[in-house]
Amino acid sequence: MVILDTSVIIDHLRRPPKASFLIKLFESRPQQIFGVSVVAIQELYEGKSTKDEIKENHLLSILGTLEILPYNTEVAKLAGKIARDSAIPIDFADAAVAATAIISDGELFTLNEKHFKNIPDLELVRI
């Protein structure tokens, strides 16, 4: 499974489809299952564009193709350890998304690799 970071979905919403990194990823891995952390959904809804019904519907259509992964006690514990042990500060959402990918035995696809590159046991997707 490939877990999508918020940055990938935002990129997709802002670009023409042919320029979207999400579309490139889908095309490069047609049989892959894709997921997203419920925490990333909260991050997406923090953006003002979700007040626009058309833009929100576009977001919902993308989310409808993904497996929604929960934020539960197991993820919370690992996210806390990631934040605690990180040599550089990491925000709540990034720690939660990273922990979700690790717990789900998945790889993370992000456009902000610098936020995630030093997290032990986290595999990053590169296309």
C-alpha atoms as a PDB file:
ATOM      1  CA  MET A   1       0.000   0.000   0.000  1.00  0.00           C
ATOM      2  CA  VAL A   2       1.096   3.544  -0.717  1.00  0.00           C
ATOM      3  CA  ILE A   3       0.016   6.194   1.775  1.00  0.00           C
ATOM      4  CA  LEU A   4      -0.432   9.672   0.317  1.00  0.00           C
ATOM      5  CA  ASP A   5       0.741  12.714   2.194  1.00  0.00           C
ATOM      6  CA  THR A   6      -1.398  15.834   2.161  1.00  0.00           C
ATOM      7  CA  SER A   7       1.101  17.561  -0.141  1.00  0.00           C
ATOM      8  CA  VAL A   8       0.365  15.088  -2.950  1.00  0.00           C
ATOM      9  CA  ILE A   9      -3.380  15.662  -2.825  1.00  0.00           C
ATOM     10  CA  ILE A  10      -2.988  19.443  -2.645  1.00  0.00           C
ATOM     11  CA  ASP A  11      -0.678  19.298  -5.666  1.00  0.00           C
ATOM     12  CA  HIS A  12      -3.298  17.278  -7.548  1.00  0.00           C
ATOM     13  CA  LEU A  13      -6.069  19.737  -6.702  1.00  0.00           C
ATOM     14  CA  ARG A  14      -4.012  22.716  -7.897  1.00  0.00           C
ATOM     15  CA  ARG A  15      -2.522  21.369 -11.133  1.00  0.00           C
ATOM     16  CA  PRO A  16      -3.906  20.272 -14.472  1.00  0.00           C
ATOM     17  CA  PRO A  17      -4.333  16.471 -14.401  1.00  0.00           C
ATOM     18  CA  LYS A  18      -1.394  15.775 -16.745  1.00  0.00           C
ATOM     19  CA  ALA A  19       0.971  17.651 -14.415  1.00  0.00           C
ATOM     20  CA  SER A  20      -0.278  16.002 -11.208  1.00  0.00           C
ATOM     21  CA  PHE A  21       2.200  13.853  -9.301  1.00  0.00           C
ATOM     22  CA  LEU A  22      -0.753  11.798  -8.050  1.00  0.00           C
ATOM     23  CA  ILE A  23      -1.767  10.869 -11.606  1.00  0.00           C
ATOM     24  CA  LYS A  24       1.856  10.002 -12.421  1.00  0.00           C
ATOM     25  CA  LEU A  25       1.960   7.743  -9.361  1.00  0.00           C
ATOM     26  CA  PHE A  26      -1.355   6.067 -10.262  1.00  0.00           C
ATOM     27  CA  GLU A  27      -0.079   5.446 -13.802  1.00  0.00           C
ATOM     28  CA  SER A  28       3.236   4.030 -12.590  1.00  0.00           C
ATOM     29  CA  ARG A  29       1.539   1.618 -10.170  1.00  0.00           C
ATOM     30  CA  PRO A  30      -1.799   0.604 -11.686  1.00  0.00           C
ATOM     31  CA  GLN A  31      -2.347  -2.408  -9.398  1.00  0.00           C
ATOM     32  CA  GLN A  32      -1.370  -0.598  -6.195  1.00  0.00           C
ATOM     33  CA  ILE A  33      -3.724   0.132  -3.301  1.00  0.00           C
ATOM     34  CA  PHE A  34      -3.549   3.760  -2.153  1.00  0.00           C
ATOM     35  CA  GLY A  35      -4.488   5.112   1.234  1.00  0.00           C
ATOM     36  CA  VAL A  36      -4.612   8.315   3.209  1.00  0.00           C
ATOM     37  CA  SER A  37      -4.506   9.016   6.927  1.00  0.00           C
ATOM     38  CA  VAL A  38      -7.616  10.497   8.451  1.00  0.00           C
ATOM     39  CA  VAL A  39      -5.249  13.152   9.865  1.00  0.00           C
ATOM     40  CA  ALA A  40      -4.368  14.189   6.300  1.00  0.00           C
ATOM     41  CA  ILE A  41      -8.081  14.637   5.611  1.00  0.00           C
ATOM     42  CA  GLN A  42      -8.263  17.063   8.524  1.00  0.00           C
ATOM     43  CA  GLU A  43      -5.281  18.952   7.091  1.00  0.00           C
ATOM     44  CA  LEU A  44      -7.024  19.149   3.714  1.00  0.00           C
ATOM     45  CA  TYR A  45     -10.183  20.551   5.302  1.00  0.00           C
ATOM     46  CA  GLU A  46      -8.152  23.232   7.057  1.00  0.00           C
ATOM     47  CA  GLY A  47      -7.646  24.772   3.613  1.00  0.00           C
ATOM     48  CA  LYS A  48     -10.130  27.471   2.710  1.00  0.00           C
ATOM     49  CA  SER A  49     -10.748  25.968  -0.729  1.00  0.00           C
ATOM     50  CA  THR A  50     -12.995  23.356   0.894  1.00  0.00           C
ATOM     51  CA  LYS A  51     -15.536  26.138   1.491  1.00  0.00           C
ATOM     52  CA  ASP A  52     -16.118  26.084  -2.277  1.00  0.00           C
ATOM     53  CA  GLU A  53     -18.592  23.277  -3.043  1.00  0.00           C
ATOM     54  CA  ILE A  54     -17.054  22.445  -6.431  1.00  0.00           C
ATOM     55  CA  LYS A  55     -13.550  22.215  -4.975  1.00  0.00           C
ATOM     56  CA  GLU A  56     -14.785  20.193  -2.013  1.00  0.00           C
ATOM     57  CA  ASN A  57     -16.543  17.765  -4.373  1.00  0.00           C
ATOM     58  CA  HIS A  58     -13.304  17.381  -6.352  1.00  0.00           C
ATOM     59  CA  LEU A  59     -11.491  16.581  -3.103  1.00  0.00           C
ATOM     60  CA  LEU A  60     -14.194  14.099  -2.097  1.00  0.00           C
ATOM     61  CA  SER A  61     -13.972  12.368  -5.474  1.00  0.00           C
ATOM     62  CA  ILE A  62     -10.247  11.808  -4.912  1.00  0.00           C
ATOM     63  CA  LEU A  63     -10.735  10.650  -1.329  1.00  0.00           C
ATOM     64  CA  GLY A  64     -13.404   8.216  -2.529  1.00  0.00           C
ATOM     65  CA  THR A  65     -10.747   6.273  -4.444  1.00  0.00           C
ATOM     66  CA  LEU A  66      -8.490   5.869  -1.400  1.00  0.00           C
ATOM     67  CA  GLU A  67      -8.510   3.651   1.654  1.00  0.00           C
ATOM     68  CA  ILE A  68      -9.016   5.886   4.693  1.00  0.00           C
ATOM     69  CA  LEU A  69      -6.650   4.839   7.473  1.00  0.00           C
ATOM     70  CA  PRO A  70      -7.549   5.574  11.105  1.00  0.00           C
ATOM     71  CA  TYR A  71      -5.719   7.468  13.785  1.00  0.00           C
ATOM     72  CA  ASN A  72      -5.866   5.036  16.662  1.00  0.00           C
ATOM     73  CA  THR A  73      -3.924   4.274  19.838  1.00  0.00           C
ATOM     74  CA  GLU A  74      -1.233   2.282  18.011  1.00  0.00           C
ATOM     75  CA  VAL A  75      -0.654   5.101  15.513  1.00  0.00           C
ATOM     76  CA  ALA A  76      -0.738   7.723  18.294  1.00  0.00           C
ATOM     77  CA  LYS A  77       1.927   5.908  20.316  1.00  0.00           C
ATOM     78  CA  LEU A  78       4.248   5.558  17.336  1.00  0.00           C
ATOM     79  CA  ALA A  79       3.638   9.163  16.225  1.00  0.00           C
ATOM     80  CA  GLY A  80       4.523  10.350  19.714  1.00  0.00           C
ATOM     81  CA  LYS A  81       7.749   8.327  19.669  1.00  0.00           C
ATOM     82  CA  ILE A  82       8.620   9.678  16.215  1.00  0.00           C
ATOM     83  CA  ALA A  83       8.138  13.274  17.416  1.00  0.00           C
ATOM     84  CA  ARG A  84       9.979  12.632  20.671  1.00  0.00           C
ATOM     85  CA  ASP A  85      12.980  10.979  19.046  1.00  0.00           C
ATOM     86  CA  SER A  86      13.314  13.177  15.968  1.00  0.00           C
ATOM     87  CA  ALA A  87      16.544  15.159  15.706  1.00  0.00           C
ATOM     88  CA  ILE A  88      14.628  17.905  13.891  1.00  0.00           C
ATOM     89  CA  PRO A  89      11.191  19.160  14.975  1.00  0.00           C
ATOM     90  CA  ILE A  90       8.268  17.379  13.326  1.00  0.00           C
ATOM     91  CA  ASP A  91       4.698  18.586  13.536  1.00  0.00           C
ATOM     92  CA  PHE A  92       1.775  16.505  14.771  1.00  0.00           C
ATOM     93  CA  ALA A  93       0.295  15.813  11.346  1.00  0.00           C
ATOM     94  CA  ASP A  94       3.577  14.700   9.762  1.00  0.00           C
ATOM     95  CA  ALA A  95       4.347  12.390  12.696  1.00  0.00           C
ATOM     96  CA  ALA A  96       0.820  10.941  12.475  1.00  0.00           C
ATOM     97  CA  VAL A  97       1.021  10.405   8.709  1.00  0.00           C
ATOM     98  CA  ALA A  98       4.447   8.759   9.028  1.00  0.00           C
ATOM     99  CA  ALA A  99       3.236   6.507  11.836  1.00  0.00           C
ATOM    100  CA  THR A 100       0.162   5.559   9.788  1.00  0.00           C
ATOM    101  CA  ALA A 101       2.399   4.483   6.890  1.00  0.00           C
ATOM    102  CA  ILE A 102       4.666   2.431   9.158  1.00  0.00           C
ATOM    103  CA  ILE A 103       1.789   0.761  11.043  1.00  0.00           C
ATOM    104  CA  SER A 104       0.048  -0.009   7.727  1.00  0.00           C
ATOM    105  CA  ASP A 105       3.268  -1.588   6.413  1.00  0.00           C
ATOM    106  CA  GLY A 106       3.096   0.873   3.553  1.00  0.00           C
ATOM    107  CA  GLU A 107       5.274   3.360   1.758  1.00  0.00           C
ATOM    108  CA  LEU A 108       4.728   7.100   1.985  1.00  0.00           C
ATOM    109  CA  PHE A 109       4.464   9.298  -1.088  1.00  0.00           C
ATOM    110  CA  THR A 110       5.114  12.935  -0.276  1.00  0.00           C
ATOM    111  CA  LEU A 111       6.314  16.046  -2.035  1.00  0.00           C
ATOM    112  CA  ASN A 112       7.989  17.165   1.207  1.00  0.00           C
ATOM    113  CA  GLU A 113      10.622  14.468   1.627  1.00  0.00           C
ATOM    114  CA  LYS A 114      12.702  16.642   3.957  1.00  0.00           C
ATOM    115  CA  HIS A 115       9.904  16.370   6.549  1.00  0.00           C
ATOM    116  CA  PHE A 116      10.101  12.566   6.524  1.00  0.00           C
ATOM    117  CA  LYS A 117      13.520  11.415   5.319  1.00  0.00           C
ATOM    118  CA  ASN A 118      15.053  10.810   8.759  1.00  0.00           C
ATOM    119  CA  ILE A 119      12.221   8.758  10.252  1.00  0.00           C
ATOM    120  CA  PRO A 120      13.360   5.208  11.030  1.00  0.00           C
ATOM    121  CA  ASP A 121      11.404   2.372   9.374  1.00  0.00           C
ATOM    122  CA  LEU A 122       9.594   4.764   7.019  1.00  0.00           C
ATOM    123  CA  GLU A 123       9.860   3.908   3.337  1.00  0.00           C
ATOM    124  CA  LEU A 124       9.402   6.749   0.874  1.00  0.00           C
ATOM    125  CA  VAL A 125       8.104   6.342  -2.677  1.00  0.00           C
ATOM    126  CA  ARG A 126       9.986   8.050  -5.456  1.00  0.00           C
ATOM    127  CA  ILE A 127       8.668   8.299  -9.008  1.00  0.00           C
END
